[in-house]
Amino acid sequence: MDDNGDAPLVDALSSLHSLLLGAPGLEELLAKLADVAAKIVEPPASCGITTRYDGQPRTIVSSDARAAWIDEQQYSLREGPCLDALASGAVVDVADYLGENRWPQYVDTARTAGVKASLALPLIVDGQTIGAMNLYGYERPDTFSEADRERATAYAEQAATTLAFAARAVRQSELGEQLEQALASRSVIDQALGLLMGQEKCDARTAFELLRRHSQNHNRKLRDVAAALIARHTGRPAVDSREFDSGPSGRDTRT
């Protein structure tokens, strides 16, 4: 390898690290991940990044439409290097599609799309394969040199960490939304309990039992029953009481 053989990888990793430090949006981060991967080989390839969603392989981002289409053919045909990399956790290298016969239906489709060679690299974090990085070359058979393979393998290690970071961000976002919904529901339920306690002259436990029984008898969510009770007695929709914590200027208005 010449002195500048590692330059594309160094540039790629530097670009990826700068992006992470810049705290980009999730879509921007993933798009950059695929774009940079496509350019670490020479000539540049197409890149699709696959992960599993609800147990099914999905392309979450690609450097171009052609890579996404080729990925999708593998999913629909249930065969191909990408799926083998996902299943085995090993690199699947197709040097020449003209002589390839491991996946007959997929290979025919890929040839028609102009694919001459491909690399499918597993994305592994803590010993678990969480995805695959798929590189497609269209220039000639044996598109990927040994240096290309080394750079792609090193980049895949970084891409795996980035993908895991993205997945964690999504999970945290979903958990945050669920928590917000739970807190909002709790606020409405507490307001309804206060109404029932005043009406029925009962304690909180008894009021909750009345609310719960109504929820079960009418097959409605507890929050919906509580919101309906509030609306019926106030003539206004139920509101999350946490909205009252600060005034327009942000000043705490609680007493």
Protein backbone atom coordinates (compact mmCIF):
# COMPACT_ATOMS: atom_id res chain seq x y z
CA MET A 1 0.00 0.00 0.00
CA ASP A 2 1.34 3.44 -0.82
CA ASP A 3 1.86 6.19 1.70
CA ASN A 4 -1.51 7.69 0.90
CA GLY A 5 -3.36 4.36 0.92
CA ASP A 6 -5.06 5.10 4.23
CA ALA A 7 -6.04 8.66 3.31
CA PRO A 8 -9.62 7.82 2.25
CA LEU A 9 -10.23 5.97 5.53
CA VAL A 10 -8.68 8.74 7.62
CA ASP A 11 -10.81 11.31 5.82
CA ALA A 12 -13.90 9.14 6.23
CA LEU A 13 -13.41 8.61 9.96
CA SER A 14 -12.59 12.28 10.47
CA SER A 15 -15.78 13.25 8.64
CA LEU A 16 -17.84 10.83 10.71
CA HIS A 17 -16.33 11.96 14.01
CA SER A 18 -16.91 15.62 13.14
CA LEU A 19 -20.53 14.83 12.36
CA LEU A 20 -21.02 13.04 15.67
CA LEU A 21 -19.47 15.92 17.60
CA GLY A 22 -21.76 18.31 15.75
CA ALA A 23 -24.80 16.59 17.26
CA PRO A 24 -26.71 16.30 13.97
CA GLY A 25 -30.26 15.14 13.49
CA LEU A 26 -30.69 11.40 13.22
CA GLU A 27 -31.56 11.45 9.51
CA GLU A 28 -28.52 13.59 8.69
CA LEU A 29 -26.26 11.28 10.67
CA LEU A 30 -27.44 8.13 8.92
CA ALA A 31 -27.37 9.73 5.47
CA LYS A 32 -23.77 10.83 6.04
CA LEU A 33 -22.90 7.34 7.23
CA ALA A 34 -23.87 5.83 3.86
CA ASP A 35 -22.44 8.67 1.76
CA VAL A 36 -19.04 8.44 3.41
CA ALA A 37 -19.00 4.63 3.14
CA ALA A 38 -19.58 4.81 -0.63
CA LYS A 39 -16.50 7.02 -1.05
CA ILE A 40 -13.93 5.03 0.92
CA VAL A 41 -13.40 2.70 -2.04
CA GLU A 42 -12.00 3.64 -5.44
CA PRO A 43 -13.85 4.10 -7.70
CA PRO A 44 -16.74 5.15 -5.41
CA ALA A 45 -19.47 2.57 -4.95
CA SER A 46 -23.11 2.60 -3.92
CA CYS A 47 -23.86 1.88 -0.29
CA GLY A 48 -26.95 0.60 1.49
CA ILE A 49 -27.09 0.07 5.25
CA THR A 50 -29.38 -2.68 6.47
CA THR A 51 -30.72 -3.38 9.92
CA ARG A 52 -33.59 -5.44 11.27
CA TYR A 53 -36.91 -3.86 12.19
CA ASP A 54 -39.70 -5.99 13.64
CA GLY A 55 -37.62 -9.00 12.70
CA GLN A 56 -37.36 -8.04 9.03
CA PRO A 57 -34.33 -6.65 7.17
CA ARG A 58 -34.75 -3.04 6.12
CA THR A 59 -32.52 -0.51 4.38
CA ILE A 60 -32.49 2.44 6.76
CA VAL A 61 -30.34 4.64 4.54
CA SER A 62 -28.51 4.47 1.22
CA SER A 63 -26.08 6.62 -0.74
CA ASP A 64 -28.35 6.47 -3.78
CA ALA A 65 -31.59 4.93 -5.04
CA ARG A 66 -29.83 2.12 -6.90
CA ALA A 67 -28.25 0.72 -3.73
CA ALA A 68 -31.62 0.80 -1.93
CA TRP A 69 -33.25 -1.01 -4.87
CA ILE A 70 -30.60 -3.75 -4.93
CA ASP A 71 -30.96 -4.22 -1.17
CA GLU A 72 -34.73 -4.55 -1.57
CA GLN A 73 -34.35 -7.27 -4.21
CA GLN A 74 -32.48 -9.38 -1.69
CA TYR A 75 -35.19 -8.91 0.93
CA SER A 76 -37.99 -9.81 -1.46
CA LEU A 77 -36.12 -12.81 -2.92
CA ARG A 78 -34.92 -13.86 0.55
CA GLU A 79 -31.39 -14.43 -0.69
CA GLY A 80 -28.22 -12.48 -1.27
CA PRO A 81 -24.89 -11.43 0.27
CA CYS A 82 -26.48 -8.82 2.54
CA LEU A 83 -28.75 -11.40 4.19
CA ASP A 84 -25.86 -13.86 4.54
CA ALA A 85 -23.73 -11.20 6.24
CA LEU A 86 -26.59 -10.44 8.63
CA ALA A 87 -27.09 -14.12 9.44
CA SER A 88 -23.45 -15.19 9.72
CA GLY A 89 -21.75 -12.07 11.05
CA ALA A 90 -19.06 -12.59 8.41
CA VAL A 91 -17.98 -10.49 5.42
CA VAL A 92 -19.51 -11.70 2.16
CA ASP A 93 -17.33 -10.76 -0.81
CA VAL A 94 -18.58 -11.17 -4.39
CA ALA A 95 -15.62 -10.40 -6.65
CA ASP A 96 -17.34 -11.12 -9.98
CA TYR A 97 -21.09 -11.40 -10.51
CA LEU A 98 -20.58 -13.08 -13.89
CA GLY A 99 -19.18 -16.20 -12.19
CA GLU A 100 -21.35 -16.06 -9.04
CA ASN A 101 -23.95 -18.80 -8.48
CA ARG A 102 -24.69 -18.78 -4.73
CA TRP A 103 -27.94 -16.81 -5.07
CA PRO A 104 -29.28 -17.47 -8.59
CA GLN A 105 -32.35 -15.22 -8.56
CA TYR A 106 -30.64 -12.31 -6.84
CA VAL A 107 -27.52 -12.51 -8.99
CA ASP A 108 -29.58 -12.32 -12.19
CA THR A 109 -31.36 -9.24 -10.86
CA ALA A 110 -28.12 -7.61 -9.72
CA ARG A 111 -26.43 -8.23 -13.06
CA THR A 112 -29.35 -6.60 -14.85
CA ALA A 113 -28.90 -3.57 -12.56
CA GLY A 114 -25.24 -3.36 -13.57
CA VAL A 115 -23.61 -4.74 -10.42
CA LYS A 116 -20.16 -6.15 -11.17
CA ALA A 117 -18.94 -6.77 -7.60
CA SER A 118 -20.11 -6.26 -4.02
CA LEU A 119 -19.05 -6.35 -0.40
CA ALA A 120 -21.45 -7.02 2.46
CA LEU A 121 -19.89 -6.22 5.84
CA PRO A 122 -21.63 -7.10 9.11
CA LEU A 123 -22.05 -4.29 11.63
CA ILE A 124 -21.17 -5.82 14.97
CA VAL A 125 -21.48 -4.31 18.45
CA ASP A 126 -20.62 -6.29 21.59
CA GLY A 127 -20.57 -9.50 19.60
CA GLN A 128 -24.04 -8.94 18.15
CA THR A 129 -24.68 -8.32 14.45
CA ILE A 130 -27.01 -5.31 14.33
CA GLY A 131 -26.86 -4.63 10.60
CA ALA A 132 -24.88 -4.84 7.39
CA MET A 133 -23.08 -2.31 5.22
CA ASN A 134 -23.52 -3.19 1.55
CA LEU A 135 -21.17 -1.81 -1.11
CA TYR A 136 -21.99 -2.28 -4.80
CA GLY A 137 -19.46 -1.67 -7.58
CA TYR A 138 -20.51 -1.09 -11.18
CA GLU A 139 -17.25 -0.35 -12.97
CA ARG A 140 -15.72 -3.80 -13.41
CA PRO A 141 -15.34 -7.22 -11.78
CA ASP A 142 -12.87 -7.29 -8.89
CA THR A 143 -13.82 -3.68 -8.21
CA PHE A 144 -12.59 -3.80 -4.62
CA SER A 145 -8.87 -4.03 -4.02
CA GLU A 146 -7.35 -5.47 -0.88
CA ALA A 147 -6.84 -1.90 0.38
CA ASP A 148 -10.51 -1.16 -0.33
CA ARG A 149 -11.55 -4.19 1.70
CA GLU A 150 -9.34 -3.20 4.62
CA ARG A 151 -10.69 0.36 4.64
CA ALA A 152 -14.28 -0.86 4.34
CA THR A 153 -13.81 -3.31 7.21
CA ALA A 154 -12.30 -0.61 9.45
CA TYR A 155 -15.05 1.83 8.54
CA ALA A 156 -17.74 -0.81 9.20
CA GLU A 157 -16.51 -1.04 12.79
CA GLN A 158 -17.10 2.69 13.24
CA ALA A 159 -20.40 2.51 11.36
CA ALA A 160 -21.62 -0.22 13.71
CA THR A 161 -20.99 2.02 16.72
CA THR A 162 -22.73 4.92 15.00
CA LEU A 163 -25.74 2.75 14.11
CA ALA A 164 -25.96 1.55 17.69
CA PHE A 165 -25.88 5.18 18.85
CA ALA A 166 -28.69 6.02 16.43
CA ALA A 167 -30.79 3.06 17.58
CA ARG A 168 -30.29 4.07 21.21
CA ALA A 169 -31.35 7.63 20.40
CA VAL A 170 -34.54 6.32 18.78
CA ARG A 171 -35.30 4.09 21.76
CA GLN A 172 -34.71 6.95 24.18
CA SER A 173 -36.94 9.22 22.12
CA GLU A 174 -39.71 6.62 22.12
CA LEU A 175 -39.30 6.07 25.86
CA GLY A 176 -39.38 9.83 26.41
CA GLU A 177 -42.61 10.12 24.46
CA GLN A 178 -44.12 7.23 26.39
CA LEU A 179 -43.08 8.85 29.67
CA GLU A 180 -44.63 12.17 28.62
CA GLN A 181 -47.85 10.39 27.70
CA ALA A 182 -47.85 8.53 31.02
CA LEU A 183 -47.31 11.74 33.00
CA ALA A 184 -50.05 13.52 31.07
CA SER A 185 -52.43 10.65 31.74
CA ARG A 186 -51.52 10.66 35.42
CA SER A 187 -52.26 14.38 35.63
CA VAL A 188 -55.73 13.99 34.08
CA ILE A 189 -56.53 10.98 36.27
CA ASP A 190 -55.48 12.88 39.41
CA GLN A 191 -57.79 15.76 38.47
CA ALA A 192 -60.69 13.35 37.96
CA LEU A 193 -60.00 11.73 41.33
CA GLY A 194 -60.20 15.16 42.98
CA LEU A 195 -63.60 15.74 41.37
CA LEU A 196 -64.91 12.36 42.50
CA MET A 197 -63.61 12.82 46.04
CA GLY A 198 -65.49 16.14 46.25
CA GLN A 199 -68.70 14.73 44.78
CA GLU A 200 -68.81 11.43 46.61
CA LYS A 201 -67.21 12.66 49.84
CA CYS A 202 -64.78 9.75 49.67
CA ASP A 203 -61.07 9.14 49.94
CA ALA A 204 -58.66 8.80 47.02
CA ARG A 205 -58.64 4.99 47.08
CA THR A 206 -62.43 4.82 46.80
CA ALA A 207 -62.46 7.43 44.04
CA PHE A 208 -59.87 5.49 42.07
CA GLU A 209 -61.89 2.29 42.45
CA LEU A 210 -64.99 4.09 41.10
CA LEU A 211 -62.99 5.36 38.12
CA ARG A 212 -61.41 1.98 37.47
CA ARG A 213 -64.75 0.16 37.64
CA HIS A 214 -66.28 2.57 35.14
CA SER A 215 -63.28 2.04 32.86
CA GLN A 216 -63.69 -1.74 32.95
CA ASN A 217 -67.47 -1.71 32.58
CA HIS A 218 -67.32 0.50 29.50
CA ASN A 219 -64.10 -1.00 28.06
CA ARG A 220 -62.40 2.40 27.92
CA LYS A 221 -58.96 3.53 28.96
CA LEU A 222 -58.73 4.99 32.44
CA ARG A 223 -57.40 8.29 31.09
CA ASP A 224 -60.30 8.58 28.63
CA VAL A 225 -62.83 7.99 31.40
CA ALA A 226 -61.10 10.61 33.55
CA ALA A 227 -60.99 13.13 30.69
CA ALA A 228 -64.70 12.59 29.97
CA LEU A 229 -65.55 13.13 33.63
CA ILE A 230 -63.60 16.40 33.71
CA ALA A 231 -65.18 17.64 30.48
CA ARG A 232 -68.67 16.77 31.69
CA HIS A 233 -68.28 18.69 34.95
CA THR A 234 -66.28 21.66 33.72
CA GLY A 235 -67.59 22.03 30.19
CA ARG A 236 -64.00 22.12 28.93
CA PRO A 237 -61.54 19.48 27.69
CA ALA A 238 -59.14 18.00 30.21
CA VAL A 239 -55.71 19.71 30.31
CA ASP A 240 -52.40 18.39 31.58
CA SER A 241 -51.90 20.32 34.83
CA ARG A 242 -48.13 20.48 34.24
CA GLU A 243 -48.87 23.21 31.72
CA PHE A 244 -49.72 25.45 34.67
CA ASP A 245 -46.24 25.20 36.23
CA SER A 246 -44.90 28.35 34.60
CA GLY A 247 -46.38 31.50 33.17
CA PRO A 248 -45.73 33.02 29.72
CA SER A 249 -42.48 34.56 30.83
CA GLY A 250 -41.24 31.28 32.26
CA ARG A 251 -41.66 32.59 35.84
CA ASP A 252 -42.82 29.92 38.30
CA THR A 253 -46.43 30.74 39.21
CA ARG A 254 -46.93 28.06 41.80
CA THR A 255 -47.86 29.14 45.30
